[in-house]
N, C-alpha and C. Protein backbone atom coordinates (compact mmCIF):
# COMPACT_ATOMS: atom_id res chain seq x y z
N MET A 1 0.83 -1.19 0.00
CA MET A 1 0.00 0.00 0.00
C MET A 1 0.87 1.26 0.00
N LYS A 2 1.94 1.20 0.79
CA LYS A 2 2.83 2.36 0.89
C LYS A 2 3.53 2.61 -0.45
N SER A 3 3.94 1.54 -1.13
CA SER A 3 4.63 1.71 -2.41
C SER A 3 3.68 2.25 -3.48
N VAL A 4 2.42 1.88 -3.40
CA VAL A 4 1.44 2.41 -4.36
C VAL A 4 1.27 3.91 -4.16
N LEU A 5 1.17 4.34 -2.89
CA LEU A 5 1.03 5.77 -2.61
C LEU A 5 2.27 6.55 -3.05
N LEU A 6 3.44 5.97 -2.82
CA LEU A 6 4.67 6.63 -3.27
C LEU A 6 4.73 6.69 -4.79
N GLY A 7 4.26 5.67 -5.46
CA GLY A 7 4.22 5.67 -6.92
C GLY A 7 3.28 6.75 -7.45
N ILE A 8 2.11 6.87 -6.83
CA ILE A 8 1.15 7.90 -7.24
C ILE A 8 1.73 9.29 -6.98
N LEU A 9 2.37 9.47 -5.83
CA LEU A 9 3.00 10.76 -5.51
C LEU A 9 4.09 11.09 -6.52
N GLY A 10 4.90 10.11 -6.89
CA GLY A 10 5.95 10.33 -7.89
C GLY A 10 5.38 10.69 -9.25
N LEU A 11 4.28 10.02 -9.61
CA LEU A 11 3.64 10.32 -10.89
C LEU A 11 3.08 11.74 -10.91
N VAL A 12 2.43 12.15 -9.83
CA VAL A 12 1.90 13.51 -9.74
C VAL A 12 3.04 14.53 -9.80
N LEU A 13 4.15 14.24 -9.13
CA LEU A 13 5.30 15.13 -9.16
C LEU A 13 5.87 15.26 -10.57
N MET A 14 5.97 14.14 -11.27
CA MET A 14 6.49 14.18 -12.64
C MET A 14 5.58 14.98 -13.57
N VAL A 15 4.27 14.79 -13.44
CA VAL A 15 3.32 15.55 -14.27
C VAL A 15 3.45 17.04 -13.96
N GLY A 16 3.58 17.37 -12.68
CA GLY A 16 3.74 18.78 -12.30
C GLY A 16 5.01 19.38 -12.86
N LEU A 17 6.10 18.62 -12.86
CA LEU A 17 7.35 19.12 -13.42
C LEU A 17 7.25 19.33 -14.93
N VAL A 18 6.59 18.41 -15.62
CA VAL A 18 6.42 18.55 -17.07
C VAL A 18 5.56 19.77 -17.37
N LEU A 19 4.48 19.96 -16.63
CA LEU A 19 3.63 21.14 -16.83
C LEU A 19 4.40 22.43 -16.55
N LEU A 20 5.22 22.42 -15.51
CA LEU A 20 6.03 23.60 -15.19
C LEU A 20 6.99 23.91 -16.33
N ALA A 21 7.62 22.88 -16.89
CA ALA A 21 8.58 23.09 -17.98
C ALA A 21 7.90 23.57 -19.24
N VAL A 22 6.71 23.03 -19.53
CA VAL A 22 6.01 23.41 -20.76
C VAL A 22 5.48 24.84 -20.67
N GLN A 23 4.99 25.24 -19.52
CA GLN A 23 4.38 26.55 -19.37
C GLN A 23 5.38 27.67 -19.13
N ASN A 24 6.62 27.36 -18.78
CA ASN A 24 7.61 28.39 -18.47
C ASN A 24 8.92 28.16 -19.24
N PRO A 25 8.88 28.22 -20.58
CA PRO A 25 10.11 27.97 -21.34
C PRO A 25 10.98 29.21 -21.54
N MET A 26 10.46 30.40 -21.25
CA MET A 26 11.22 31.62 -21.53
C MET A 26 12.49 31.72 -20.67
N PRO A 27 13.56 32.25 -21.23
CA PRO A 27 14.82 32.35 -20.48
C PRO A 27 14.79 33.52 -19.49
N VAL A 28 15.54 33.35 -18.44
CA VAL A 28 15.68 34.38 -17.43
C VAL A 28 17.16 34.46 -17.04
N GLU A 29 17.61 35.64 -16.67
CA GLU A 29 19.00 35.82 -16.28
C GLU A 29 19.10 35.76 -14.76
N VAL A 30 19.89 34.81 -14.29
CA VAL A 30 20.09 34.63 -12.85
C VAL A 30 21.46 35.22 -12.49
N ASP A 31 21.47 36.15 -11.56
CA ASP A 31 22.70 36.83 -11.17
C ASP A 31 23.26 36.17 -9.90
N TRP A 32 24.36 35.43 -10.07
CA TRP A 32 25.04 34.79 -8.94
C TRP A 32 26.12 35.73 -8.44
N VAL A 33 26.75 35.36 -7.36
CA VAL A 33 27.84 36.16 -6.81
C VAL A 33 29.03 36.18 -7.77
N TRP A 34 29.29 35.07 -8.44
CA TRP A 34 30.45 34.96 -9.30
C TRP A 34 30.13 35.17 -10.78
N GLY A 35 28.89 35.44 -11.13
CA GLY A 35 28.57 35.68 -12.54
C GLY A 35 27.08 35.62 -12.81
N LYS A 36 26.73 35.71 -14.08
CA LYS A 36 25.33 35.65 -14.51
C LYS A 36 25.13 34.44 -15.39
N ILE A 37 23.93 33.84 -15.28
CA ILE A 37 23.59 32.65 -16.06
C ILE A 37 22.25 32.90 -16.75
N GLN A 38 22.15 32.48 -17.99
CA GLN A 38 20.88 32.53 -18.72
C GLN A 38 20.29 31.12 -18.70
N THR A 39 19.10 30.97 -18.11
CA THR A 39 18.47 29.66 -17.96
C THR A 39 16.96 29.80 -18.08
N PRO A 40 16.26 28.71 -18.43
CA PRO A 40 14.80 28.78 -18.48
C PRO A 40 14.22 28.99 -17.08
N VAL A 41 13.05 29.60 -17.03
CA VAL A 41 12.40 29.91 -15.75
C VAL A 41 12.14 28.62 -14.97
N TRP A 42 11.68 27.57 -15.66
CA TRP A 42 11.34 26.34 -14.95
C TRP A 42 12.55 25.73 -14.26
N LEU A 43 13.72 25.82 -14.89
CA LEU A 43 14.93 25.28 -14.29
C LEU A 43 15.35 26.10 -13.06
N ALA A 44 15.21 27.42 -13.15
CA ALA A 44 15.53 28.28 -12.01
C ALA A 44 14.59 27.99 -10.84
N LEU A 45 13.31 27.77 -11.13
CA LEU A 45 12.34 27.45 -10.07
C LEU A 45 12.64 26.11 -9.42
N ILE A 46 12.97 25.12 -10.23
CA ILE A 46 13.29 23.79 -9.68
C ILE A 46 14.55 23.86 -8.83
N CYS A 47 15.56 24.59 -9.28
CA CYS A 47 16.79 24.72 -8.50
C CYS A 47 16.53 25.43 -7.17
N ALA A 48 15.73 26.49 -7.20
CA ALA A 48 15.41 27.21 -5.96
C ALA A 48 14.62 26.32 -5.00
N PHE A 49 13.66 25.57 -5.54
CA PHE A 49 12.87 24.67 -4.70
C PHE A 49 13.75 23.58 -4.10
N SER A 50 14.64 23.01 -4.91
CA SER A 50 15.53 21.95 -4.43
C SER A 50 16.48 22.47 -3.35
N ALA A 51 17.02 23.66 -3.56
CA ALA A 51 17.92 24.24 -2.55
C ALA A 51 17.17 24.48 -1.24
N GLY A 52 15.95 24.98 -1.32
CA GLY A 52 15.16 25.18 -0.10
C GLY A 52 14.83 23.87 0.59
N LEU A 53 14.56 22.84 -0.19
CA LEU A 53 14.27 21.52 0.37
C LEU A 53 15.48 20.95 1.10
N VAL A 54 16.65 21.08 0.50
CA VAL A 54 17.88 20.58 1.12
C VAL A 54 18.19 21.34 2.42
N ILE A 55 18.04 22.64 2.40
CA ILE A 55 18.30 23.44 3.60
C ILE A 55 17.30 23.11 4.70
N ALA A 56 16.03 22.97 4.36
CA ALA A 56 15.01 22.64 5.37
C ALA A 56 15.26 21.25 5.94
N PHE A 57 15.63 20.29 5.10
CA PHE A 57 15.93 18.95 5.59
C PHE A 57 17.13 18.98 6.53
N GLY A 58 18.15 19.74 6.17
CA GLY A 58 19.33 19.84 7.03
C GLY A 58 19.00 20.44 8.39
N LEU A 59 18.15 21.46 8.40
CA LEU A 59 17.78 22.09 9.66
C LEU A 59 16.91 21.18 10.52
N CYS A 60 16.06 20.41 9.89
CA CYS A 60 15.16 19.51 10.65
C CYS A 60 15.84 18.21 11.03
N ALA A 61 16.78 17.74 10.22
CA ALA A 61 17.41 16.45 10.47
C ALA A 61 18.45 16.52 11.58
N THR A 62 19.07 17.65 11.78
CA THR A 62 20.12 17.76 12.80
C THR A 62 19.60 17.44 14.20
N PRO A 63 18.50 18.03 14.66
CA PRO A 63 17.99 17.64 15.98
C PRO A 63 17.50 16.20 16.02
N LEU A 64 16.96 15.72 14.90
CA LEU A 64 16.48 14.34 14.85
C LEU A 64 17.63 13.36 15.07
N PHE A 65 18.74 13.59 14.39
CA PHE A 65 19.91 12.72 14.57
C PHE A 65 20.45 12.82 15.99
N ARG A 66 20.43 14.01 16.57
CA ARG A 66 20.89 14.20 17.93
C ARG A 66 20.01 13.39 18.91
N TYR A 67 18.69 13.43 18.71
CA TYR A 67 17.78 12.67 19.58
C TYR A 67 17.96 11.17 19.41
N ARG A 68 18.22 10.73 18.19
CA ARG A 68 18.45 9.30 17.98
C ARG A 68 19.73 8.83 18.67
N ILE A 69 20.77 9.64 18.61
CA ILE A 69 22.02 9.27 19.27
C ILE A 69 21.81 9.22 20.78
N ARG A 70 21.09 10.20 21.33
CA ARG A 70 20.81 10.23 22.76
C ARG A 70 19.98 9.01 23.18
N ALA A 71 18.99 8.66 22.38
CA ALA A 71 18.15 7.50 22.69
C ALA A 71 18.96 6.22 22.64
N ARG A 72 19.88 6.10 21.69
CA ARG A 72 20.72 4.90 21.61
C ARG A 72 21.61 4.80 22.85
N ARG A 73 22.20 5.91 23.29
CA ARG A 73 23.03 5.89 24.50
C ARG A 73 22.21 5.49 25.72
N GLN A 74 21.00 6.01 25.81
CA GLN A 74 20.16 5.69 26.96
C GLN A 74 19.73 4.22 26.93
N ARG A 75 19.46 3.68 25.73
CA ARG A 75 19.12 2.25 25.64
C ARG A 75 20.29 1.38 26.09
N LYS A 76 21.52 1.77 25.69
CA LYS A 76 22.70 1.01 26.11
C LYS A 76 22.87 1.09 27.63
N ARG A 77 22.66 2.26 28.19
CA ARG A 77 22.78 2.44 29.64
C ARG A 77 21.73 1.61 30.38
N ILE A 78 20.51 1.61 29.88
CA ILE A 78 19.45 0.81 30.50
C ILE A 78 19.78 -0.66 30.41
N SER A 79 20.31 -1.10 29.29
CA SER A 79 20.69 -2.51 29.13
C SER A 79 21.77 -2.90 30.13
N SER A 80 22.78 -2.04 30.30
CA SER A 80 23.84 -2.36 31.25
C SER A 80 23.31 -2.37 32.69
N LEU A 81 22.41 -1.47 33.01
CA LEU A 81 21.83 -1.46 34.36
C LEU A 81 20.94 -2.68 34.58
N GLU A 82 20.23 -3.13 33.56
CA GLU A 82 19.42 -4.34 33.69
C GLU A 82 20.30 -5.55 33.90
N GLN A 83 21.44 -5.61 33.20
CA GLN A 83 22.37 -6.71 33.40
C GLN A 83 22.94 -6.68 34.82
N GLU A 84 23.22 -5.50 35.34
CA GLU A 84 23.72 -5.38 36.71
C GLU A 84 22.67 -5.85 37.71
N ILE A 85 21.42 -5.48 37.50
CA ILE A 85 20.34 -5.92 38.39
C ILE A 85 20.21 -7.43 38.33
N HIS A 86 20.29 -8.00 37.13
CA HIS A 86 20.19 -9.46 37.01
C HIS A 86 21.35 -10.13 37.73
N GLY A 87 22.54 -9.56 37.62
CA GLY A 87 23.69 -10.11 38.33
C GLY A 87 23.52 -10.04 39.84
N LEU A 88 22.94 -8.96 40.33
CA LEU A 88 22.71 -8.84 41.77
C LEU A 88 21.64 -9.81 42.24
N ARG A 89 20.66 -10.10 41.42
CA ARG A 89 19.61 -11.04 41.80
C ARG A 89 20.14 -12.47 41.91
N THR A 90 21.12 -12.79 41.11
CA THR A 90 21.62 -14.16 41.10
C THR A 90 22.75 -14.40 42.10
N LEU A 91 23.16 -13.38 42.84
CA LEU A 91 24.19 -13.57 43.86
C LEU A 91 23.65 -14.43 44.99
N PRO A 92 24.47 -15.32 45.52
CA PRO A 92 24.00 -16.14 46.65
C PRO A 92 23.92 -15.28 47.92
N LEU A 93 22.91 -15.58 48.71
CA LEU A 93 22.74 -14.86 49.97
C LEU A 93 23.49 -15.60 51.08
N ILE A 94 24.11 -14.86 51.98
CA ILE A 94 24.80 -15.48 53.12
C ILE A 94 23.76 -15.74 54.20
N GLU A 95 23.72 -16.98 54.67
CA GLU A 95 22.75 -17.31 55.71
C GLU A 95 23.25 -16.80 57.04
N GLU A 96 22.34 -16.42 57.90
CA GLU A 96 22.72 -15.89 59.20
C GLU A 96 23.31 -16.96 60.09
N ASP A 97 22.87 -18.21 59.96
CA ASP A 97 23.39 -19.28 60.80
C ASP A 97 24.87 -19.49 60.57
N GLU A 98 25.31 -19.46 59.34
CA GLU A 98 26.72 -19.65 59.05
C GLU A 98 27.55 -18.49 59.57
N SER A 99 27.06 -17.26 59.45
CA SER A 99 27.82 -16.12 59.90
C SER A 99 27.88 -16.11 61.44
N ASN A 100 26.84 -16.56 62.11
CA ASN A 100 26.84 -16.62 63.57
C ASN A 100 27.77 -17.70 64.08
N THR A 101 27.81 -18.86 63.44
CA THR A 101 28.68 -19.94 63.88
C THR A 101 30.13 -19.58 63.66
N ASP A 102 30.43 -18.84 62.61
CA ASP A 102 31.81 -18.44 62.36
C ASP A 102 32.29 -17.49 63.45
N SER A 103 31.44 -16.60 63.92
CA SER A 103 31.86 -15.65 64.93
C SER A 103 32.00 -16.33 66.29
N ARG A 104 31.23 -17.42 66.57
CA ARG A 104 31.33 -18.12 67.84
C ARG A 104 32.60 -18.96 67.92
N GLU A 105 33.07 -19.44 66.79
CA GLU A 105 34.26 -20.28 66.78
C GLU A 105 35.50 -19.48 67.08
N VAL A 106 35.52 -18.23 66.78
CA VAL A 106 36.71 -17.42 66.97
C VAL A 106 36.86 -17.02 68.38
């Protein structure tokens, strides 16, 4: 089901890109810091959209990766503490009778 939805989304995106290219073929001059470029309007729009998408993903992904790293560290810490608890549960208990008899013999 998920792949079908992604396929439909991809198809809609492709149709939108074709319509954008067909309706905006006129050239436009883009002034960069290092020079000027003559390019079709549709290509300039796609480049601007892609650059914005990459920047937005970078800004949103940085905290997400930080939270995932923190969660992984906490899972490891919890696992080590659970192992410690299990080790403490399996330790043999010293009976009071043995400890009392040892002190009487001395």
